[in-house]
Amino acid sequence: MAARPGGGVDVELEIRRSRFLTRLQRVANEDDARTVIDERRRTHFDARHHCSAFILGPDSRTARSSDDGEPAGTAGVPMLTVLQRNGLSDVVAVVTRYFGGIKLGAGGLVRAYSDAVAQAVGAAGRKDVVLSQVVRVDVPMAAAGAMEAQLRGLVLPGGVAVTVDGVEWGEQAKISVTVPVGAEADFRAALASLSGGALEAVHVGQRWGDVEA
């Protein structure tokens, strides 16, 4: 199971007069990640380096990094390693460096870029990414309001909460509900109890979503 950052953050770290400005941001795809990188280049056009790393997909299948002029292996890979060690995906990290005149050496650069991203990860927090089933419950209009309210507050055995994604109104109310994988049977049992056996859940599909870690 992967995780996503809880939010975008900016963190600044100063080491031996060099400034390391880190932007950590949640992204949906590679185009979004490269847009963030390009934005940092434009904003800090006078900086010497804009090193980056990003990981995408719930399986973390896509991973890229760039040293952007720093000695090979001293920036992008260490940044990527921090993201991987934290189990993060759907995230980009960009560290902009303003050189302070004192060389840090290869080891110092690795530590600096690693620490810069680690501080940003700590500031952002994280949300676990889980695979969920999407189901639909068709409810007569007269009972729709009460059933929607009950489903919104429904917590299954083991503390698993369901999520009401929305309601489509028509001759019947079609309530879309997300249930974590493995909790479908508990949800169907709870729905039967709430409705006296009158309602059933229809499987619609699957989606990845996040919960607080």
N, C-alpha and C. Protein backbone atom coordinates (compact mmCIF):
# COMPACT_ATOMS: atom_id res chain seq x y z
N MET A 1 0.84 -1.19 0.00
CA MET A 1 0.00 0.00 0.00
C MET A 1 0.88 1.24 0.00
N ALA A 2 0.61 2.15 -0.89
CA ALA A 2 1.36 3.40 -0.98
C ALA A 2 0.66 4.48 -0.16
N ALA A 3 1.28 5.66 -0.13
CA ALA A 3 0.68 6.80 0.56
C ALA A 3 0.92 8.03 -0.28
N ARG A 4 0.14 9.07 0.00
CA ARG A 4 0.29 10.35 -0.66
C ARG A 4 0.56 11.41 0.39
N PRO A 5 1.20 12.51 -0.01
CA PRO A 5 1.38 13.59 0.97
C PRO A 5 0.04 14.17 1.37
N GLY A 6 -0.05 14.59 2.62
CA GLY A 6 -1.31 15.16 3.07
C GLY A 6 -1.60 16.51 2.46
N GLY A 7 -0.59 17.22 2.02
CA GLY A 7 -0.78 18.52 1.40
C GLY A 7 0.53 19.02 0.84
N GLY A 8 0.49 20.09 0.03
CA GLY A 8 1.70 20.67 -0.52
C GLY A 8 2.36 21.58 0.51
N VAL A 9 3.70 21.55 0.56
CA VAL A 9 4.41 22.39 1.53
C VAL A 9 5.67 22.97 0.89
N ASP A 10 6.15 24.05 1.48
CA ASP A 10 7.43 24.65 1.12
C ASP A 10 8.28 24.71 2.38
N VAL A 11 9.51 24.22 2.27
CA VAL A 11 10.42 24.17 3.42
C VAL A 11 11.77 24.72 2.99
N GLU A 12 12.40 25.50 3.86
CA GLU A 12 13.73 26.05 3.57
C GLU A 12 14.75 25.53 4.56
N LEU A 13 15.90 25.13 4.05
CA LEU A 13 17.00 24.61 4.86
C LEU A 13 18.27 25.33 4.45
N GLU A 14 19.06 25.80 5.42
CA GLU A 14 20.33 26.45 5.11
C GLU A 14 21.48 25.62 5.67
N ILE A 15 22.44 25.31 4.81
CA ILE A 15 23.59 24.51 5.21
C ILE A 15 24.85 25.18 4.65
N ARG A 16 25.70 25.65 5.53
CA ARG A 16 26.96 26.29 5.15
C ARG A 16 26.75 27.32 4.05
N ARG A 17 25.79 28.19 4.28
CA ARG A 17 25.45 29.34 3.44
C ARG A 17 24.67 28.99 2.18
N SER A 18 24.56 27.72 1.85
CA SER A 18 23.70 27.34 0.72
C SER A 18 22.27 27.21 1.21
N ARG A 19 21.34 27.74 0.42
CA ARG A 19 19.91 27.64 0.75
C ARG A 19 19.26 26.55 -0.10
N PHE A 20 18.52 25.69 0.57
CA PHE A 20 17.80 24.62 -0.12
C PHE A 20 16.30 24.86 0.08
N LEU A 21 15.60 25.22 -0.99
CA LEU A 21 14.17 25.51 -0.94
C LEU A 21 13.42 24.31 -1.51
N THR A 22 12.64 23.65 -0.69
CA THR A 22 11.95 22.43 -1.12
C THR A 22 10.46 22.68 -1.32
N ARG A 23 9.97 22.27 -2.47
CA ARG A 23 8.52 22.22 -2.71
C ARG A 23 8.14 20.74 -2.82
N LEU A 24 7.24 20.31 -1.96
CA LEU A 24 6.69 18.95 -2.01
C LEU A 24 5.21 19.09 -2.32
N GLN A 25 4.75 18.42 -3.37
CA GLN A 25 3.38 18.63 -3.81
C GLN A 25 2.78 17.34 -4.35
N ARG A 26 1.52 17.16 -4.05
CA ARG A 26 0.78 16.02 -4.59
C ARG A 26 0.45 16.28 -6.05
N VAL A 27 0.62 15.25 -6.90
CA VAL A 27 0.33 15.38 -8.33
C VAL A 27 -0.40 14.13 -8.80
N ALA A 28 -1.11 14.27 -9.93
CA ALA A 28 -1.89 13.16 -10.45
C ALA A 28 -1.19 12.40 -11.56
N ASN A 29 -0.25 13.05 -12.26
CA ASN A 29 0.40 12.40 -13.39
C ASN A 29 1.73 13.08 -13.68
N GLU A 30 2.44 12.56 -14.69
CA GLU A 30 3.78 13.08 -14.99
C GLU A 30 3.72 14.51 -15.51
N ASP A 31 2.72 14.85 -16.28
CA ASP A 31 2.59 16.23 -16.76
C ASP A 31 2.47 17.20 -15.60
N ASP A 32 1.66 16.83 -14.59
CA ASP A 32 1.52 17.69 -13.41
C ASP A 32 2.86 17.85 -12.69
N ALA A 33 3.60 16.74 -12.57
CA ALA A 33 4.89 16.79 -11.88
C ALA A 33 5.85 17.73 -12.60
N ARG A 34 5.90 17.62 -13.92
CA ARG A 34 6.83 18.47 -14.68
C ARG A 34 6.37 19.93 -14.68
N THR A 35 5.07 20.15 -14.57
CA THR A 35 4.57 21.52 -14.44
C THR A 35 5.07 22.16 -13.15
N VAL A 36 5.05 21.39 -12.06
CA VAL A 36 5.55 21.90 -10.78
C VAL A 36 7.05 22.22 -10.89
N ILE A 37 7.79 21.32 -11.51
CA ILE A 37 9.24 21.54 -11.68
C ILE A 37 9.50 22.80 -12.49
N ASP A 38 8.78 22.95 -13.59
CA ASP A 38 8.95 24.14 -14.44
C ASP A 38 8.58 25.42 -13.71
N GLU A 39 7.54 25.35 -12.89
CA GLU A 39 7.12 26.53 -12.12
C GLU A 39 8.20 26.97 -11.15
N ARG A 40 8.89 26.00 -10.54
CA ARG A 40 9.96 26.34 -9.61
C ARG A 40 11.14 26.97 -10.35
N ARG A 41 11.41 26.48 -11.56
CA ARG A 41 12.47 27.07 -12.38
C ARG A 41 12.17 28.53 -12.71
N ARG A 42 10.91 28.80 -13.05
CA ARG A 42 10.53 30.17 -13.40
C ARG A 42 10.57 31.08 -12.17
N THR A 43 10.07 30.57 -11.05
CA THR A 43 10.01 31.38 -9.83
C THR A 43 11.41 31.71 -9.31
N HIS A 44 12.29 30.71 -9.34
CA HIS A 44 13.66 30.89 -8.83
C HIS A 44 14.64 30.79 -10.00
N PHE A 45 14.46 31.65 -10.98
CA PHE A 45 15.26 31.59 -12.22
C PHE A 45 16.73 31.88 -11.97
N ASP A 46 17.04 32.52 -10.84
CA ASP A 46 18.42 32.89 -10.55
C ASP A 46 19.16 31.85 -9.73
N ALA A 47 18.52 30.73 -9.41
CA ALA A 47 19.17 29.68 -8.64
C ALA A 47 19.99 28.78 -9.57
N ARG A 48 20.98 28.10 -9.00
CA ARG A 48 21.88 27.29 -9.81
C ARG A 48 21.31 25.91 -10.11
N HIS A 49 20.51 25.36 -9.21
CA HIS A 49 20.03 23.98 -9.39
C HIS A 49 18.56 23.87 -8.97
N HIS A 50 17.83 23.05 -9.72
CA HIS A 50 16.45 22.71 -9.38
C HIS A 50 16.33 21.19 -9.48
N CYS A 51 16.78 20.51 -8.47
CA CYS A 51 16.81 19.04 -8.48
C CYS A 51 15.42 18.51 -8.15
N SER A 52 15.10 17.36 -8.70
CA SER A 52 13.71 16.88 -8.55
C SER A 52 13.63 15.36 -8.47
N ALA A 53 12.51 14.91 -7.94
CA ALA A 53 12.18 13.49 -7.90
C ALA A 53 10.67 13.37 -7.81
N PHE A 54 10.11 12.39 -8.53
CA PHE A 54 8.68 12.15 -8.38
C PHE A 54 8.37 10.67 -8.55
N ILE A 55 7.28 10.26 -7.90
CA ILE A 55 6.79 8.89 -7.95
C ILE A 55 5.30 8.95 -8.23
N LEU A 56 4.82 8.06 -9.11
CA LEU A 56 3.42 8.08 -9.52
C LEU A 56 2.80 6.69 -9.48
N GLY A 57 1.50 6.67 -9.24
CA GLY A 57 0.72 5.45 -9.29
C GLY A 57 0.60 4.77 -7.94
N PRO A 58 -0.54 4.11 -7.67
CA PRO A 58 -0.72 3.42 -6.40
C PRO A 58 0.28 2.30 -6.19
N ASP A 59 0.85 1.79 -7.29
CA ASP A 59 1.89 0.78 -7.19
C ASP A 59 3.29 1.38 -7.28
N SER A 60 3.37 2.72 -7.31
CA SER A 60 4.65 3.45 -7.39
C SER A 60 5.47 3.02 -8.60
N ARG A 61 4.80 2.70 -9.67
CA ARG A 61 5.48 2.14 -10.84
C ARG A 61 6.38 3.16 -11.54
N THR A 62 5.96 4.42 -11.58
CA THR A 62 6.73 5.45 -12.27
C THR A 62 7.56 6.24 -11.28
N ALA A 63 8.87 6.25 -11.48
CA ALA A 63 9.78 6.99 -10.59
C ALA A 63 10.85 7.66 -11.44
N ARG A 64 11.03 8.96 -11.23
CA ARG A 64 12.01 9.73 -11.99
C ARG A 64 12.78 10.64 -11.03
N SER A 65 14.02 10.97 -11.40
CA SER A 65 14.79 11.92 -10.60
C SER A 65 15.79 12.65 -11.50
N SER A 66 16.22 13.82 -11.05
CA SER A 66 17.18 14.63 -11.80
C SER A 66 18.12 15.34 -10.84
N ASP A 67 19.43 15.28 -11.16
CA ASP A 67 20.43 16.00 -10.37
C ASP A 67 20.57 17.46 -10.82
N ASP A 68 20.08 17.77 -12.01
CA ASP A 68 20.08 19.13 -12.55
C ASP A 68 21.41 19.85 -12.35
N GLY A 69 22.49 19.21 -12.76
CA GLY A 69 23.80 19.87 -12.71
C GLY A 69 24.62 19.58 -11.48
N GLU A 70 24.02 19.04 -10.43
CA GLU A 70 24.81 18.62 -9.28
C GLU A 70 25.58 17.34 -9.67
N PRO A 71 26.66 17.01 -8.96
CA PRO A 71 27.38 15.77 -9.27
C PRO A 71 26.43 14.56 -9.28
N ALA A 72 26.65 13.68 -10.23
CA ALA A 72 25.75 12.54 -10.43
C ALA A 72 25.52 11.76 -9.14
N GLY A 73 24.25 11.52 -8.83
CA GLY A 73 23.88 10.70 -7.69
C GLY A 73 23.85 11.42 -6.36
N THR A 74 24.07 12.75 -6.36
CA THR A 74 24.12 13.46 -5.08
C THR A 74 22.82 14.18 -4.73
N ALA A 75 21.87 14.23 -5.64
CA ALA A 75 20.65 15.01 -5.38
C ALA A 75 19.38 14.24 -5.72
N GLY A 76 19.15 13.98 -7.01
CA GLY A 76 17.89 13.37 -7.42
C GLY A 76 17.64 12.01 -6.79
N VAL A 77 18.63 11.13 -6.84
CA VAL A 77 18.45 9.78 -6.28
C VAL A 77 18.25 9.83 -4.76
N PRO A 78 19.04 10.59 -4.01
CA PRO A 78 18.77 10.69 -2.57
C PRO A 78 17.36 11.24 -2.27
N MET A 79 16.91 12.20 -3.06
CA MET A 79 15.55 12.73 -2.88
C MET A 79 14.52 11.64 -3.13
N LEU A 80 14.71 10.90 -4.23
CA LEU A 80 13.79 9.81 -4.56
C LEU A 80 13.78 8.75 -3.47
N THR A 81 14.95 8.47 -2.92
CA THR A 81 15.05 7.46 -1.87
C THR A 81 14.23 7.85 -0.64
N VAL A 82 14.25 9.13 -0.28
CA VAL A 82 13.45 9.59 0.87
C VAL A 82 11.97 9.37 0.60
N LEU A 83 11.51 9.70 -0.60
CA LEU A 83 10.10 9.47 -0.95
C LEU A 83 9.75 7.99 -0.87
N GLN A 84 10.63 7.14 -1.39
CA GLN A 84 10.38 5.70 -1.38
C GLN A 84 10.36 5.15 0.03
N ARG A 85 11.30 5.59 0.86
CA ARG A 85 11.36 5.08 2.24
C ARG A 85 10.12 5.46 3.03
N ASN A 86 9.48 6.55 2.65
CA ASN A 86 8.25 6.96 3.31
C ASN A 86 7.01 6.37 2.66
N GLY A 87 7.22 5.52 1.64
CA GLY A 87 6.11 4.85 0.99
C GLY A 87 5.21 5.78 0.21
N LEU A 88 5.76 6.91 -0.26
CA LEU A 88 4.94 7.92 -0.93
C LEU A 88 4.80 7.66 -2.43
N SER A 89 3.68 8.04 -2.98
CA SER A 89 3.46 8.04 -4.42
C SER A 89 2.56 9.22 -4.76
N ASP A 90 2.39 9.47 -6.06
CA ASP A 90 1.61 10.63 -6.54
C ASP A 90 2.15 11.91 -5.91
N VAL A 91 3.47 12.07 -5.97
CA VAL A 91 4.11 13.20 -5.31
C VAL A 91 5.34 13.63 -6.10
N VAL A 92 5.62 14.93 -6.10
CA VAL A 92 6.85 15.46 -6.67
C VAL A 92 7.55 16.31 -5.61
N ALA A 93 8.87 16.19 -5.58
CA ALA A 93 9.70 17.02 -4.71
C ALA A 93 10.69 17.78 -5.58
N VAL A 94 10.77 19.07 -5.38
CA VAL A 94 11.74 19.91 -6.10
C VAL A 94 12.56 20.66 -5.05
N VAL A 95 13.87 20.52 -5.13
CA VAL A 95 14.75 21.25 -4.22
C VAL A 95 15.57 22.24 -5.04
N THR A 96 15.35 23.52 -4.78
CA THR A 96 16.07 24.60 -5.45
C THR A 96 17.24 25.01 -4.55
N ARG A 97 18.44 25.02 -5.13
CA ARG A 97 19.62 25.36 -4.33
C ARG A 97 20.22 26.68 -4.78
N TYR A 98 20.39 27.56 -3.80
CA TYR A 98 21.18 28.77 -4.00
C TYR A 98 22.55 28.53 -3.38
N PHE A 99 23.57 28.47 -4.22
CA PHE A 99 24.92 28.16 -3.75
C PHE A 99 25.46 29.29 -2.89
N GLY A 100 26.03 28.90 -1.72
CA GLY A 100 26.52 29.91 -0.79
C GLY A 100 28.00 30.15 -0.83
N GLY A 101 28.70 29.50 -1.78
CA GLY A 101 30.13 29.76 -1.91
C GLY A 101 31.01 28.73 -1.23
N ILE A 102 30.42 27.84 -0.43
CA ILE A 102 31.19 26.81 0.25
C ILE A 102 30.78 25.44 -0.29
N LYS A 103 31.72 24.70 -0.85
CA LYS A 103 31.41 23.39 -1.41
C LYS A 103 31.11 22.40 -0.29
N LEU A 104 30.10 21.58 -0.50
CA LEU A 104 29.68 20.63 0.52
C LEU A 104 30.27 19.24 0.32
N GLY A 105 30.80 18.97 -0.87
CA GLY A 105 31.30 17.63 -1.15
C GLY A 105 30.15 16.69 -1.46
N ALA A 106 30.46 15.56 -2.06
CA ALA A 106 29.42 14.61 -2.46
C ALA A 106 28.59 14.14 -1.28
N GLY A 107 29.24 13.75 -0.20
CA GLY A 107 28.51 13.28 0.98
C GLY A 107 27.64 14.37 1.59
N GLY A 108 28.16 15.59 1.62
CA GLY A 108 27.39 16.69 2.16
C GLY A 108 26.16 17.01 1.32
N LEU A 109 26.30 16.90 -0.01
CA LEU A 109 25.16 17.14 -0.88
C LEU A 109 24.09 16.07 -0.70
N VAL A 110 24.50 14.83 -0.60
CA VAL A 110 23.53 13.74 -0.39
C VAL A 110 22.75 13.98 0.89
N ARG A 111 23.44 14.32 1.96
CA ARG A 111 22.76 14.58 3.24
C ARG A 111 21.85 15.80 3.13
N ALA A 112 22.32 16.84 2.47
CA ALA A 112 21.53 18.08 2.38
C ALA A 112 20.23 17.86 1.60
N TYR A 113 20.33 17.22 0.44
CA TYR A 113 19.12 17.00 -0.36
C TYR A 113 18.19 16.00 0.31
N SER A 114 18.75 15.01 0.96
CA SER A 114 17.92 14.04 1.70
C SER A 114 17.19 14.73 2.85
N ASP A 115 17.92 15.53 3.62
CA ASP A 115 17.31 16.22 4.76
C ASP A 115 16.25 17.22 4.30
N ALA A 116 16.50 17.90 3.18
CA ALA A 116 15.53 18.88 2.69
C ALA A 116 14.20 18.22 2.37
N VAL A 117 14.24 17.08 1.70
CA VAL A 117 12.99 16.37 1.35
C VAL A 117 12.37 15.76 2.60
N ALA A 118 13.19 15.19 3.48
CA ALA A 118 12.65 14.58 4.70
C ALA A 118 11.89 15.60 5.54
N GLN A 119 12.42 16.82 5.65
CA GLN A 119 11.73 17.86 6.41
C GLN A 119 10.39 18.22 5.76
N ALA A 120 10.36 18.25 4.44
CA ALA A 120 9.12 18.57 3.74
C ALA A 120 8.09 17.46 3.94
N VAL A 121 8.53 16.21 3.88
CA VAL A 121 7.62 15.09 4.11
C VAL A 121 7.03 15.16 5.51
N GLY A 122 7.88 15.47 6.49
CA GLY A 122 7.40 15.59 7.86
C GLY A 122 6.40 16.71 8.03
N ALA A 123 6.60 17.80 7.30
CA ALA A 123 5.69 18.94 7.41
C ALA A 123 4.36 18.68 6.71
N ALA A 124 4.40 17.88 5.65
CA ALA A 124 3.18 17.66 4.86
C ALA A 124 2.25 16.62 5.48
N GLY A 125 2.81 15.67 6.23
CA GLY A 125 1.98 14.55 6.67
C GLY A 125 1.73 13.61 5.50
N ARG A 126 0.90 12.59 5.74
CA ARG A 126 0.65 11.63 4.69
C ARG A 126 -0.73 10.99 4.84
N LYS A 127 -1.21 10.50 3.72
CA LYS A 127 -2.48 9.77 3.70
C LYS A 127 -2.25 8.43 3.00
N ASP A 128 -2.72 7.35 3.62
CA ASP A 128 -2.60 6.04 3.00
C ASP A 128 -3.54 5.92 1.81
N VAL A 129 -3.09 5.21 0.78
CA VAL A 129 -3.88 4.99 -0.42
C VAL A 129 -4.43 3.57 -0.38
N VAL A 130 -5.74 3.43 -0.44
CA VAL A 130 -6.37 2.11 -0.38
C VAL A 130 -7.27 1.90 -1.59
N LEU A 131 -7.39 0.65 -1.99
CA LEU A 131 -8.29 0.29 -3.07
C LEU A 131 -9.67 0.04 -2.48
N SER A 132 -10.67 0.68 -3.08
CA SER A 132 -12.03 0.57 -2.56
C SER A 132 -13.00 0.12 -3.66
N GLN A 133 -14.09 -0.51 -3.23
CA GLN A 133 -15.17 -0.87 -4.12
C GLN A 133 -16.18 0.27 -4.15
N VAL A 134 -16.70 0.55 -5.33
CA VAL A 134 -17.76 1.55 -5.47
C VAL A 134 -19.06 0.81 -5.72
N VAL A 135 -20.06 1.05 -4.87
CA VAL A 135 -21.36 0.39 -5.00
C VAL A 135 -22.45 1.45 -5.06
N ARG A 136 -23.62 1.04 -5.56
CA ARG A 136 -24.76 1.95 -5.64
C ARG A 136 -25.93 1.33 -4.91
N VAL A 137 -26.59 2.17 -4.14
CA VAL A 137 -27.78 1.74 -3.40
C VAL A 137 -28.96 2.54 -3.93
N ASP A 138 -29.95 1.87 -4.52
CA ASP A 138 -31.15 2.53 -5.03
C ASP A 138 -32.21 2.57 -3.94
N VAL A 139 -32.63 3.78 -3.61
CA VAL A 139 -33.53 3.97 -2.47
C VAL A 139 -34.78 4.73 -2.92
N PRO A 140 -35.98 4.29 -2.51
CA PRO A 140 -37.20 5.06 -2.81
C PRO A 140 -37.07 6.48 -2.28
N MET A 141 -37.62 7.44 -3.01
CA MET A 141 -37.46 8.83 -2.66
C MET A 141 -37.90 9.15 -1.24
N ALA A 142 -38.96 8.53 -0.78
CA ALA A 142 -39.49 8.83 0.55
C ALA A 142 -38.49 8.49 1.66
N ALA A 143 -37.63 7.51 1.40
CA ALA A 143 -36.68 7.08 2.43
C ALA A 143 -35.25 7.54 2.15
N ALA A 144 -35.05 8.26 1.04
CA ALA A 144 -33.70 8.58 0.58
C ALA A 144 -32.92 9.45 1.56
N GLY A 145 -33.55 10.49 2.08
CA GLY A 145 -32.84 11.40 2.98
C GLY A 145 -32.33 10.71 4.23
N ALA A 146 -33.20 9.92 4.83
CA ALA A 146 -32.82 9.22 6.06
C ALA A 146 -31.73 8.19 5.79
N MET A 147 -31.84 7.46 4.66
CA MET A 147 -30.85 6.44 4.35
C MET A 147 -29.50 7.06 4.03
N GLU A 148 -29.51 8.18 3.30
CA GLU A 148 -28.25 8.85 3.00
C GLU A 148 -27.55 9.28 4.28
N ALA A 149 -28.31 9.83 5.22
CA ALA A 149 -27.73 10.27 6.49
C ALA A 149 -27.14 9.10 7.26
N GLN A 150 -27.83 7.97 7.26
CA GLN A 150 -27.33 6.79 7.96
C GLN A 150 -26.06 6.25 7.31
N LEU A 151 -26.02 6.26 5.99
CA LEU A 151 -24.84 5.76 5.30
C LEU A 151 -23.64 6.69 5.51
N ARG A 152 -23.88 7.98 5.58
CA ARG A 152 -22.78 8.93 5.78
C ARG A 152 -22.13 8.75 7.15
N GLY A 153 -22.87 8.28 8.11
CA GLY A 153 -22.31 8.07 9.43
C GLY A 153 -21.97 6.62 9.73
N LEU A 154 -21.99 5.78 8.72
CA LEU A 154 -21.83 4.34 8.94
C LEU A 154 -20.37 3.95 9.13
N VAL A 155 -20.10 3.28 10.24
CA VAL A 155 -18.78 2.72 10.52
C VAL A 155 -18.95 1.21 10.68
N LEU A 156 -18.22 0.46 9.90
CA LEU A 156 -18.34 -1.00 9.90
C LEU A 156 -17.49 -1.61 11.01
N PRO A 157 -17.68 -2.90 11.30
CA PRO A 157 -16.85 -3.58 12.30
C PRO A 157 -15.36 -3.40 12.01
N GLY A 158 -14.58 -3.21 13.04
CA GLY A 158 -13.16 -2.96 12.86
C GLY A 158 -12.83 -1.49 12.65
N GLY A 159 -13.86 -0.63 12.76
CA GLY A 159 -13.62 0.80 12.62
C GLY A 159 -13.51 1.28 11.19
N VAL A 160 -13.92 0.46 10.23
CA VAL A 160 -13.85 0.84 8.81
C VAL A 160 -15.04 1.73 8.47
N ALA A 161 -14.75 2.92 7.94
CA ALA A 161 -15.81 3.86 7.57
C ALA A 161 -16.08 3.78 6.08
N VAL A 162 -17.33 3.95 5.71
CA VAL A 162 -17.70 4.03 4.30
C VAL A 162 -17.84 5.50 3.93
N THR A 163 -17.81 5.78 2.64
CA THR A 163 -17.90 7.15 2.15
C THR A 163 -19.03 7.27 1.15
N VAL A 164 -19.91 8.22 1.35
CA VAL A 164 -20.95 8.51 0.37
C VAL A 164 -20.37 9.51 -0.63
N ASP A 165 -20.22 9.06 -1.88
CA ASP A 165 -19.62 9.91 -2.91
C ASP A 165 -20.60 10.91 -3.50
N GLY A 166 -21.89 10.55 -3.50
CA GLY A 166 -22.88 11.45 -4.08
C GLY A 166 -24.21 10.75 -4.26
N VAL A 167 -25.21 11.53 -4.65
CA VAL A 167 -26.56 11.01 -4.85
C VAL A 167 -27.08 11.50 -6.19
N GLU A 168 -27.59 10.59 -7.00
CA GLU A 168 -28.23 10.95 -8.26
C GLU A 168 -29.74 10.84 -8.06
N TRP A 169 -30.43 11.97 -8.24
CA TRP A 169 -31.85 12.01 -7.95
C TRP A 169 -32.66 11.75 -9.22
N GLY A 170 -33.68 10.92 -9.08
CA GLY A 170 -34.58 10.58 -10.18
C GLY A 170 -35.84 9.96 -9.61
N GLU A 171 -36.37 8.95 -10.28
CA GLU A 171 -37.53 8.25 -9.71
C GLU A 171 -37.14 7.59 -8.39
N GLN A 172 -35.89 7.19 -8.32
CA GLN A 172 -35.29 6.72 -7.07
C GLN A 172 -34.00 7.50 -6.83
N ALA A 173 -33.57 7.52 -5.58
CA ALA A 173 -32.28 8.12 -5.27
C ALA A 173 -31.20 7.04 -5.41
N LYS A 174 -30.22 7.31 -6.25
CA LYS A 174 -29.11 6.37 -6.45
C LYS A 174 -27.92 6.88 -5.67
N ILE A 175 -27.66 6.24 -4.53
CA ILE A 175 -26.61 6.69 -3.62
C ILE A 175 -25.33 5.92 -3.93
N SER A 176 -24.27 6.65 -4.30
CA SER A 176 -22.97 6.04 -4.61
C SER A 176 -22.13 5.99 -3.33
N VAL A 177 -21.64 4.79 -3.01
CA VAL A 177 -20.92 4.58 -1.76
C VAL A 177 -19.59 3.88 -2.05
N THR A 178 -18.53 4.32 -1.38
CA THR A 178 -17.22 3.68 -1.49
C THR A 178 -16.94 2.87 -0.24
N VAL A 179 -16.57 1.60 -0.45
CA VAL A 179 -16.32 0.67 0.64
C VAL A 179 -14.92 0.07 0.47
N PRO A 180 -14.05 0.15 1.47
CA PRO A 180 -12.71 -0.44 1.33
C PRO A 180 -12.78 -1.91 0.96
N VAL A 181 -11.86 -2.34 0.10
CA VAL A 181 -11.82 -3.75 -0.30
C VAL A 181 -11.66 -4.63 0.93
N GLY A 182 -12.45 -5.69 0.99
CA GLY A 182 -12.42 -6.60 2.13
C GLY A 182 -13.54 -6.35 3.11
N ALA A 183 -14.23 -5.18 2.96
CA ALA A 183 -15.30 -4.85 3.88
C ALA A 183 -16.66 -4.91 3.20
N GLU A 184 -16.72 -5.48 1.98
CA GLU A 184 -17.98 -5.50 1.24
C GLU A 184 -19.06 -6.30 1.96
N ALA A 185 -18.68 -7.46 2.50
CA ALA A 185 -19.66 -8.31 3.17
C ALA A 185 -20.23 -7.61 4.40
N ASP A 186 -19.37 -6.94 5.15
CA ASP A 186 -19.83 -6.20 6.32
C ASP A 186 -20.79 -5.08 5.91
N PHE A 187 -20.48 -4.41 4.78
CA PHE A 187 -21.35 -3.34 4.33
C PHE A 187 -22.72 -3.88 3.93
N ARG A 188 -22.74 -4.99 3.19
CA ARG A 188 -24.01 -5.55 2.76
C ARG A 188 -24.85 -5.98 3.96
N ALA A 189 -24.19 -6.51 4.99
CA ALA A 189 -24.91 -6.92 6.19
C ALA A 189 -25.47 -5.69 6.92
N ALA A 190 -24.67 -4.62 6.98
CA ALA A 190 -25.12 -3.40 7.64
C ALA A 190 -26.28 -2.78 6.88
N LEU A 191 -26.20 -2.80 5.54
CA LEU A 191 -27.27 -2.23 4.72
C LEU A 191 -28.57 -3.02 4.90
N ALA A 192 -28.45 -4.33 4.97
CA ALA A 192 -29.63 -5.16 5.19
C ALA A 192 -30.26 -4.85 6.54
N SER A 193 -29.42 -4.63 7.55
CA SER A 193 -29.93 -4.31 8.88
C SER A 193 -30.61 -2.94 8.90
N LEU A 194 -30.01 -1.95 8.25
CA LEU A 194 -30.57 -0.60 8.23
C LEU A 194 -31.90 -0.54 7.48
N SER A 195 -32.03 -1.36 6.44
CA SER A 195 -33.21 -1.29 5.58
C SER A 195 -34.22 -2.41 5.81
N GLY A 196 -33.96 -3.25 6.82
CA GLY A 196 -34.85 -4.38 7.06
C GLY A 196 -34.84 -5.38 5.90
N GLY A 197 -33.68 -5.45 5.22
CA GLY A 197 -33.53 -6.37 4.11
C GLY A 197 -34.12 -5.88 2.80
N ALA A 198 -34.58 -4.63 2.76
CA ALA A 198 -35.25 -4.13 1.56
C ALA A 198 -34.28 -3.61 0.50
N LEU A 199 -33.06 -3.25 0.91
CA LEU A 199 -32.13 -2.64 -0.04
C LEU A 199 -30.91 -3.53 -0.26
N GLU A 200 -30.36 -3.43 -1.48
CA GLU A 200 -29.15 -4.16 -1.82
C GLU A 200 -28.15 -3.21 -2.47
N ALA A 201 -26.89 -3.59 -2.39
CA ALA A 201 -25.83 -2.79 -3.01
C ALA A 201 -25.45 -3.40 -4.36
N VAL A 202 -25.38 -2.57 -5.38
CA VAL A 202 -25.01 -3.01 -6.72
C VAL A 202 -23.57 -2.58 -6.99
N HIS A 203 -22.72 -3.54 -7.36
CA HIS A 203 -21.32 -3.23 -7.62
C HIS A 203 -21.19 -2.35 -8.87
N VAL A 204 -20.41 -1.26 -8.75
CA VAL A 204 -20.22 -0.34 -9.87
C VAL A 204 -18.80 -0.41 -10.43
N GLY A 205 -17.81 -0.49 -9.54
CA GLY A 205 -16.42 -0.52 -9.99
C GLY A 205 -15.48 -0.40 -8.81
N GLN A 206 -14.24 0.01 -9.10
CA GLN A 206 -13.22 0.19 -8.08
C GLN A 206 -12.54 1.54 -8.28
N ARG A 207 -11.97 2.06 -7.21
CA ARG A 207 -11.15 3.26 -7.33
C ARG A 207 -10.16 3.32 -6.17
N TRP A 208 -9.04 4.00 -6.41
CA TRP A 208 -8.07 4.24 -5.36
C TRP A 208 -8.42 5.55 -4.65
N GLY A 209 -8.33 5.53 -3.35
CA GLY A 209 -8.61 6.73 -2.57
C GLY A 209 -7.69 6.78 -1.37
N ASP A 210 -7.67 7.91 -0.65
CA ASP A 210 -6.78 8.01 0.48
C ASP A 210 -7.53 8.23 1.78
N VAL A 211 -6.85 7.79 2.85
CA VAL A 211 -7.36 7.98 4.20
C VAL A 211 -6.21 8.52 5.03
N GLU A 212 -6.53 9.15 6.15
CA GLU A 212 -5.48 9.69 7.02
C GLU A 212 -4.61 8.57 7.52
N ALA A 213 -3.27 8.74 7.41
CA ALA A 213 -2.34 7.72 7.90
C ALA A 213 -2.17 7.86 9.40
